[in-house]
Amino acid sequence: MNWQDRQGMIADLNLRIELKRLADKAFERDDGPLMAILEVAINTLDERLADPEAYAREEAPRKRPVTLLCRNVRIKGKRTSVKLENEFWSALERMAGEAHCTIDDLCDAARRRYEASSLTSAIRVFVLNGNMAAQPSQPVPA
């Protein structure tokens, strides 16, 4: 492993340390959506750091397929773009049909309900809670 490879690994280690600090602060604030995002980033770095020899290989790091779709929505009359997985867009379309409203209306409701979160996180939690409320409660297997 040469110096260039070590620099990449050191940069990843430093990034992981900073993300962990942010995750601890998010935990103190009880910010669940932010915690989830930070945990994904930390786990991704852990996967990379678990194989130090990968830094020395000539091959490019494997990229995960892009699963986020960007769409424009209007929140309080202003257009903004939101990146969500296709499953969330499908759930929003279904919820909008059932509620006889637009996706923009649902996104606006999500923004109002979860003001402390980012818009994307607010929409995800809004959809998750909407789907959980629609499901009959089932006992959790032990």
C-alpha atoms as a PDB file:
ATOM      1  CA  MET A   1       0.000   0.000   0.000  1.00  0.00           C
ATOM      2  CA  ASN A   2       1.574   3.279  -1.064  1.00  0.00           C
ATOM      3  CA  TRP A   3       1.159   6.775   0.385  1.00  0.00           C
ATOM      4  CA  GLN A   4      -1.715   7.686  -1.981  1.00  0.00           C
ATOM      5  CA  ASP A   5      -3.678   4.645  -0.842  1.00  0.00           C
ATOM      6  CA  ARG A   6      -3.052   5.474   2.829  1.00  0.00           C
ATOM      7  CA  GLN A   7      -4.217   9.034   2.269  1.00  0.00           C
ATOM      8  CA  GLY A   8      -7.559   7.748   0.967  1.00  0.00           C
ATOM      9  CA  MET A   9      -7.942   5.446   3.923  1.00  0.00           C
ATOM     10  CA  ILE A  10      -6.998   8.200   6.398  1.00  0.00           C
ATOM     11  CA  ALA A  11      -9.539  10.527   4.769  1.00  0.00           C
ATOM     12  CA  ASP A  12     -12.226   7.856   5.167  1.00  0.00           C
ATOM     13  CA  LEU A  13     -11.276   7.307   8.822  1.00  0.00           C
ATOM     14  CA  ASN A  14     -11.472  11.045   9.530  1.00  0.00           C
ATOM     15  CA  LEU A  15     -14.829  11.267   7.774  1.00  0.00           C
ATOM     16  CA  ARG A  16     -16.148   8.339   9.818  1.00  0.00           C
ATOM     17  CA  ILE A  17     -15.038  10.032  13.069  1.00  0.00           C
ATOM     18  CA  GLU A  18     -16.844  13.258  12.112  1.00  0.00           C
ATOM     19  CA  LEU A  19     -19.995  11.399  11.050  1.00  0.00           C
ATOM     20  CA  LYS A  20     -20.009   9.523  14.358  1.00  0.00           C
ATOM     21  CA  ARG A  21     -19.774  12.846  16.239  1.00  0.00           C
ATOM     22  CA  LEU A  22     -22.738  14.164  14.260  1.00  0.00           C
ATOM     23  CA  ALA A  23     -24.669  10.949  14.930  1.00  0.00           C
ATOM     24  CA  ASP A  24     -24.061  11.340  18.671  1.00  0.00           C
ATOM     25  CA  LYS A  25     -25.390  14.907  18.532  1.00  0.00           C
ATOM     26  CA  ALA A  26     -28.421  13.785  16.543  1.00  0.00           C
ATOM     27  CA  PHE A  27     -29.042  11.086  19.161  1.00  0.00           C
ATOM     28  CA  GLU A  28     -28.942  13.715  21.922  1.00  0.00           C
ATOM     29  CA  ARG A  29     -31.523  15.779  20.004  1.00  0.00           C
ATOM     30  CA  ASP A  30     -33.624  12.646  19.388  1.00  0.00           C
ATOM     31  CA  ASP A  31     -33.531  13.308  15.628  1.00  0.00           C
ATOM     32  CA  GLY A  32     -34.438   9.884  14.255  1.00  0.00           C
ATOM     33  CA  PRO A  33     -34.395  10.684  10.521  1.00  0.00           C
ATOM     34  CA  LEU A  34     -30.985  12.339  10.735  1.00  0.00           C
ATOM     35  CA  MET A  35     -29.683   9.428  12.796  1.00  0.00           C
ATOM     36  CA  ALA A  36     -30.832   6.985  10.108  1.00  0.00           C
ATOM     37  CA  ILE A  37     -29.054   8.921   7.363  1.00  0.00           C
ATOM     38  CA  LEU A  38     -25.839   9.174   9.378  1.00  0.00           C
ATOM     39  CA  GLU A  39     -25.919   5.470  10.251  1.00  0.00           C
ATOM     40  CA  VAL A  40     -26.143   4.569   6.549  1.00  0.00           C
ATOM     41  CA  ALA A  41     -23.138   6.790   5.797  1.00  0.00           C
ATOM     42  CA  ILE A  42     -21.157   5.329   8.710  1.00  0.00           C
ATOM     43  CA  ASN A  43     -21.987   1.751   7.681  1.00  0.00           C
ATOM     44  CA  THR A  44     -20.901   2.485   4.111  1.00  0.00           C
ATOM     45  CA  LEU A  45     -17.558   3.790   5.359  1.00  0.00           C
ATOM     46  CA  ASP A  46     -17.190   0.775   7.648  1.00  0.00           C
ATOM     47  CA  GLU A  47     -17.616  -1.509   4.615  1.00  0.00           C
ATOM     48  CA  ARG A  48     -14.873   0.345   2.761  1.00  0.00           C
ATOM     49  CA  LEU A  49     -12.536   0.413   5.751  1.00  0.00           C
ATOM     50  CA  ALA A  50     -13.035  -3.302   6.401  1.00  0.00           C
ATOM     51  CA  ASP A  51     -10.977  -4.079   3.280  1.00  0.00           C
ATOM     52  CA  PRO A  52      -7.775  -1.977   3.455  1.00  0.00           C
ATOM     53  CA  GLU A  53      -6.323  -3.746   0.417  1.00  0.00           C
ATOM     54  CA  ALA A  54      -9.129  -2.270  -1.698  1.00  0.00           C
ATOM     55  CA  TYR A  55      -7.396   1.096  -1.410  1.00  0.00           C
ATOM     56  CA  ALA A  56      -4.324  -0.361  -3.133  1.00  0.00           C
ATOM     57  CA  ARG A  57      -6.247  -2.001  -5.978  1.00  0.00           C
ATOM     58  CA  GLU A  58      -6.395  -0.282  -9.323  1.00  0.00           C
ATOM     59  CA  GLU A  59     -10.087  -0.985  -9.797  1.00  0.00           C
ATOM     60  CA  ALA A  60     -12.615   1.733  -9.181  1.00  0.00           C
ATOM     61  CA  PRO A  61     -14.808   1.278  -6.125  1.00  0.00           C
ATOM     62  CA  ARG A  62     -18.069  -0.499  -6.792  1.00  0.00           C
ATOM     63  CA  LYS A  63     -20.963   1.866  -7.060  1.00  0.00           C
ATOM     64  CA  ARG A  64     -24.419   0.980  -5.974  1.00  0.00           C
ATOM     65  CA  PRO A  65     -27.105   1.443  -8.589  1.00  0.00           C
ATOM     66  CA  VAL A  66     -28.845   4.797  -8.419  1.00  0.00           C
ATOM     67  CA  THR A  67     -32.238   4.270  -6.867  1.00  0.00           C
ATOM     68  CA  LEU A  68     -33.248   7.868  -6.171  1.00  0.00           C
ATOM     69  CA  LEU A  69     -35.601   9.682  -8.505  1.00  0.00           C
ATOM     70  CA  CYS A  70     -35.657  13.459  -8.525  1.00  0.00           C
ATOM     71  CA  ARG A  71     -39.017  15.180  -8.977  1.00  0.00           C
ATOM     72  CA  ASN A  72     -40.232  18.728  -8.575  1.00  0.00           C
ATOM     73  CA  VAL A  73     -42.882  19.525  -5.982  1.00  0.00           C
ATOM     74  CA  ARG A  74     -44.423  22.764  -4.753  1.00  0.00           C
ATOM     75  CA  ILE A  75     -44.195  23.568  -1.053  1.00  0.00           C
ATOM     76  CA  LYS A  76     -45.988  26.744   0.065  1.00  0.00           C
ATOM     77  CA  GLY A  77     -46.221  27.733  -3.594  1.00  0.00           C
ATOM     78  CA  LYS A  78     -42.480  27.408  -4.213  1.00  0.00           C
ATOM     79  CA  ARG A  79     -41.039  24.777  -6.507  1.00  0.00           C
ATOM     80  CA  THR A  80     -38.326  22.541  -5.089  1.00  0.00           C
ATOM     81  CA  SER A  81     -36.794  19.230  -6.083  1.00  0.00           C
ATOM     82  CA  VAL A  82     -36.939  16.111  -3.950  1.00  0.00           C
ATOM     83  CA  LYS A  83     -34.965  12.886  -4.392  1.00  0.00           C
ATOM     84  CA  LEU A  84     -36.762   9.775  -3.184  1.00  0.00           C
ATOM     85  CA  GLU A  85     -36.733   6.082  -3.965  1.00  0.00           C
ATOM     86  CA  ASN A  86     -39.313   4.950  -6.509  1.00  0.00           C
ATOM     87  CA  GLU A  87     -41.181   3.069  -3.766  1.00  0.00           C
ATOM     88  CA  PHE A  88     -41.795   6.317  -1.877  1.00  0.00           C
ATOM     89  CA  TRP A  89     -43.028   8.059  -5.039  1.00  0.00           C
ATOM     90  CA  SER A  90     -45.396   5.132  -5.686  1.00  0.00           C
ATOM     91  CA  ALA A  91     -46.665   5.264  -2.105  1.00  0.00           C
ATOM     92  CA  LEU A  92     -47.190   9.040  -2.391  1.00  0.00           C
ATOM     93  CA  GLU A  93     -49.163   8.562  -5.630  1.00  0.00           C
ATOM     94  CA  ARG A  94     -51.338   5.922  -3.960  1.00  0.00           C
ATOM     95  CA  MET A  95     -51.876   8.079  -0.856  1.00  0.00           C
ATOM     96  CA  ALA A  96     -52.747  11.108  -3.015  1.00  0.00           C
ATOM     97  CA  GLY A  97     -55.294   9.045  -4.940  1.00  0.00           C
ATOM     98  CA  GLU A  98     -56.888   7.783  -1.746  1.00  0.00           C
ATOM     99  CA  ALA A  99     -57.001  11.276  -0.220  1.00  0.00           C
ATOM    100  CA  HIS A 100     -58.160  12.946  -3.475  1.00  0.00           C
ATOM    101  CA  CYS A 101     -55.311  15.443  -3.382  1.00  0.00           C
ATOM    102  CA  THR A 102     -51.998  16.021  -5.157  1.00  0.00           C
ATOM    103  CA  ILE A 103     -48.530  14.793  -4.260  1.00  0.00           C
ATOM    104  CA  ASP A 104     -47.638  18.444  -3.697  1.00  0.00           C
ATOM    105  CA  ASP A 105     -50.370  18.652  -1.029  1.00  0.00           C
ATOM    106  CA  LEU A 106     -48.979  15.586   0.746  1.00  0.00           C
ATOM    107  CA  CYS A 107     -45.409  16.904   0.601  1.00  0.00           C
ATOM    108  CA  ASP A 108     -46.608  20.211   2.024  1.00  0.00           C
ATOM    109  CA  ALA A 109     -48.415  18.359   4.836  1.00  0.00           C
ATOM    110  CA  ALA A 110     -45.252  16.350   5.544  1.00  0.00           C
ATOM    111  CA  ARG A 111     -43.198  19.559   5.717  1.00  0.00           C
ATOM    112  CA  ARG A 112     -45.655  21.102   8.207  1.00  0.00           C
ATOM    113  CA  ARG A 113     -45.843  17.970  10.363  1.00  0.00           C
ATOM    114  CA  TYR A 114     -42.079  17.369  10.545  1.00  0.00           C
ATOM    115  CA  GLU A 115     -40.629  20.880  10.399  1.00  0.00           C
ATOM    116  CA  ALA A 116     -37.399  19.976  12.211  1.00  0.00           C
ATOM    117  CA  SER A 117     -36.397  17.431   9.543  1.00  0.00           C
ATOM    118  CA  SER A 118     -35.194  17.913   6.004  1.00  0.00           C
ATOM    119  CA  LEU A 119     -37.971  17.805   3.417  1.00  0.00           C
ATOM    120  CA  THR A 120     -36.861  14.419   2.107  1.00  0.00           C
ATOM    121  CA  SER A 121     -36.764  12.899   5.594  1.00  0.00           C
ATOM    122  CA  ALA A 122     -40.105  14.481   6.453  1.00  0.00           C
ATOM    123  CA  ILE A 123     -41.711  12.924   3.374  1.00  0.00           C
ATOM    124  CA  ARG A 124     -40.232   9.487   4.117  1.00  0.00           C
ATOM    125  CA  VAL A 125     -41.471   9.548   7.730  1.00  0.00           C
ATOM    126  CA  PHE A 126     -44.866  10.880   6.584  1.00  0.00           C
ATOM    127  CA  VAL A 127     -45.252   8.009   4.088  1.00  0.00           C
ATOM    128  CA  LEU A 128     -44.027   5.435   6.607  1.00  0.00           C
ATOM    129  CA  ASN A 129     -46.451   6.649   9.281  1.00  0.00           C
ATOM    130  CA  GLY A 130     -49.276   6.794   6.744  1.00  0.00           C
ATOM    131  CA  ASN A 131     -48.647   3.210   5.685  1.00  0.00           C
ATOM    132  CA  MET A 132     -48.275   2.007   9.266  1.00  0.00           C
ATOM    133  CA  ALA A 133     -51.581   3.634  10.213  1.00  0.00           C
ATOM    134  CA  ALA A 134     -53.284   1.917   7.264  1.00  0.00           C
ATOM    135  CA  GLN A 135     -52.006  -1.533   8.313  1.00  0.00           C
ATOM    136  CA  PRO A 136     -53.942  -3.479  10.929  1.00  0.00           C
ATOM    137  CA  SER A 137     -51.828  -3.930  14.033  1.00  0.00           C
ATOM    138  CA  GLN A 138     -50.190  -7.322  14.224  1.00  0.00           C
ATOM    139  CA  PRO A 139     -48.316  -8.833  17.151  1.00  0.00           C
ATOM    140  CA  VAL A 140     -44.549  -8.671  16.816  1.00  0.00           C
ATOM    141  CA  PRO A 141     -42.996 -12.151  16.585  1.00  0.00           C
ATOM    142  CA  ALA A 142     -40.746 -12.977  19.521  1.00  0.00           C
END
